[in-house]
C-alpha atoms as a PDB file:
ATOM      1  CA  MET A   1      11.670  55.715 150.471  1.00  0.00           C
ATOM      2  CA  ALA A   2       8.433  57.123 152.975  1.00  0.00           C
ATOM      3  CA  ASP A   3       8.870  57.303 156.991  1.00  0.00           C
ATOM      4  CA  ASP A   4       5.361  55.702 156.609  1.00  0.00           C
ATOM      5  CA  ALA A   5       6.172  53.315 153.932  1.00  0.00           C
ATOM      6  CA  PRO A   6       6.016  49.682 154.957  1.00  0.00           C
ATOM      7  CA  THR A   7       8.708  47.755 155.440  1.00  0.00           C
ATOM      8  CA  PRO A   8       8.976  44.089 153.263  1.00  0.00           C
ATOM      9  CA  LEU A   9       8.189  42.214 156.268  1.00  0.00           C
ATOM     10  CA  ASP A  10       5.430  44.790 156.998  1.00  0.00           C
ATOM     11  CA  VAL A  11       3.823  43.663 153.149  1.00  0.00           C
ATOM     12  CA  LEU A  12       5.120  40.139 153.667  1.00  0.00           C
ATOM     13  CA  LEU A  13       2.810  40.052 156.932  1.00  0.00           C
ATOM     14  CA  ARG A  14       0.141  41.618 155.412  1.00  0.00           C
ATOM     15  CA  THR A  15      -0.498  40.161 152.584  1.00  0.00           C
ATOM     16  CA  MET A  16      -0.534  36.417 154.306  1.00  0.00           C
ATOM     17  CA  SER A  17      -2.893  37.828 156.746  1.00  0.00           C
ATOM     18  CA  LEU A  18      -5.475  38.718 153.310  1.00  0.00           C
ATOM     19  CA  LYS A  19      -4.351  35.180 151.805  1.00  0.00           C
ATOM     20  CA  TRP A  20      -5.986  33.808 155.033  1.00  0.00           C
ATOM     21  CA  GLN A  21      -8.746  35.678 155.380  1.00  0.00           C
ATOM     22  CA  GLU A  22      -9.916  35.133 151.412  1.00  0.00           C
ATOM     23  CA  GLY A  23      -9.307  30.536 152.224  1.00  0.00           C
ATOM     24  CA  ALA A  24      -6.117  30.873 149.985  1.00  0.00           C
ATOM     25  CA  LEU A  25      -4.412  29.090 152.614  1.00  0.00           C
ATOM     26  CA  ASP A  26      -1.372  27.412 150.511  1.00  0.00           C
ATOM     27  CA  ASP A  27      -0.853  31.340 149.346  1.00  0.00           C
ATOM     28  CA  ALA A  28      -0.760  32.010 153.249  1.00  0.00           C
ATOM     29  CA  VAL A  29       1.477  29.410 154.347  1.00  0.00           C
ATOM     30  CA  ALA A  30       4.375  30.320 151.693  1.00  0.00           C
ATOM     31  CA  LEU A  31       4.363  34.149 153.056  1.00  0.00           C
ATOM     32  CA  ALA A  32       4.743  32.400 156.684  1.00  0.00           C
ATOM     33  CA  LYS A  33       7.473  30.417 155.247  1.00  0.00           C
ATOM     34  CA  ALA A  34       9.428  33.728 154.366  1.00  0.00           C
ATOM     35  CA  ALA A  35       7.919  35.684 156.733  1.00  0.00           C
ATOM     36  CA  ALA A  36       9.508  33.627 159.820  1.00  0.00           C
ATOM     37  CA  PRO A  37      12.787  34.068 159.808  1.00  0.00           C
ATOM     38  CA  TYR A  38      12.320  38.093 160.294  1.00  0.00           C
ATOM     39  CA  LEU A  39      10.729  36.833 163.422  1.00  0.00           C
ATOM     40  CA  HIS A  40      11.768  33.747 165.011  1.00  0.00           C
ATOM     41  CA  ALA A  41      15.254  32.769 166.190  1.00  0.00           C
ATOM     42  CA  ARG A  42      15.997  29.196 164.687  1.00  0.00           C
ATOM     43  CA  ALA A  43      16.266  26.351 166.351  1.00  0.00           C
ATOM     44  CA  VAL A  44      19.678  24.377 166.025  1.00  0.00           C
ATOM     45  CA  ALA A  45      18.254  20.920 166.407  1.00  0.00           C
ATOM     46  CA  GLY A  46      18.926  18.160 169.419  1.00  0.00           C
ATOM     47  CA  ARG A  47      18.908  21.185 171.767  1.00  0.00           C
ATOM     48  CA  ALA A  48      16.949  22.824 173.906  1.00  0.00           C
ATOM     49  CA  CYS A  49      15.008  25.913 172.691  1.00  0.00           C
ATOM     50  CA  GLY A  50      16.492  28.260 175.336  1.00  0.00           C
ATOM     51  CA  ASP A  51      19.626  26.518 176.007  1.00  0.00           C
ATOM     52  CA  ILE A  52      22.401  27.939 174.255  1.00  0.00           C
ATOM     53  CA  SER A  53      25.093  27.237 176.494  1.00  0.00           C
ATOM     54  CA  ALA A  54      26.532  24.594 174.599  1.00  0.00           C
ATOM     55  CA  LEU A  55      26.080  26.561 171.300  1.00  0.00           C
ATOM     56  CA  LYS A  56      29.564  26.847 169.714  1.00  0.00           C
ATOM     57  CA  ASP A  57      31.062  31.065 168.359  1.00  0.00           C
ATOM     58  CA  HIS A  58      29.667  29.895 164.518  1.00  0.00           C
ATOM     59  CA  GLU A  59      25.964  28.571 166.176  1.00  0.00           C
ATOM     60  CA  LEU A  60      25.813  31.396 168.487  1.00  0.00           C
ATOM     61  CA  ASP A  61      27.015  33.562 165.485  1.00  0.00           C
ATOM     62  CA  GLU A  62      24.002  32.714 163.200  1.00  0.00           C
ATOM     63  CA  ILE A  63      21.276  33.312 165.897  1.00  0.00           C
ATOM     64  CA  PHE A  64      22.056  36.552 167.100  1.00  0.00           C
ATOM     65  CA  GLY A  65      24.307  37.991 164.633  1.00  0.00           C
ATOM     66  CA  PRO A  66      28.716  38.135 164.730  1.00  0.00           C
ATOM     67  CA  GLY A  67      30.139  39.833 167.819  1.00  0.00           C
ATOM     68  CA  ALA A  68      26.616  39.570 169.743  1.00  0.00           C
ATOM     69  CA  GLU A  69      27.018  39.718 173.560  1.00  0.00           C
ATOM     70  CA  ARG A  70      27.496  36.243 174.724  1.00  0.00           C
ATOM     71  CA  THR A  71      27.978  36.628 178.426  1.00  0.00           C
ATOM     72  CA  ALA A  72      25.007  35.036 180.961  1.00  0.00           C
ATOM     73  CA  SER A  73      24.909  36.641 184.558  1.00  0.00           C
ATOM     74  CA  ALA A  74      24.760  34.057 187.620  1.00  0.00           C
ATOM     75  CA  PRO A  75      21.588  33.046 189.129  1.00  0.00           C
ATOM     76  CA  GLU A  76      21.244  35.626 191.902  1.00  0.00           C
ATOM     77  CA  THR A  77      20.998  32.857 194.751  1.00  0.00           C
ATOM     78  CA  ALA A  78      19.015  33.696 198.770  1.00  0.00           C
ATOM     79  CA  GLU A  79      21.608  34.352 201.065  1.00  0.00           C
END
């Protein structure tokens, strides 16, 4: 594949935009749903976005991928 060739995600997003401009909203929504998992992390039901402290290992693997860095630095305090 050539370096300047679009990725499948590029094609999805470009086509979604064209469908939206054409007024084919149902098609645009279907393409948006197909592209969303590649652009937005899945929220875990019942947990606030950004709060990963209570997530189990398999849930973290689903969001960040297996073996992802899971350490967080402690908040800095003023002295």
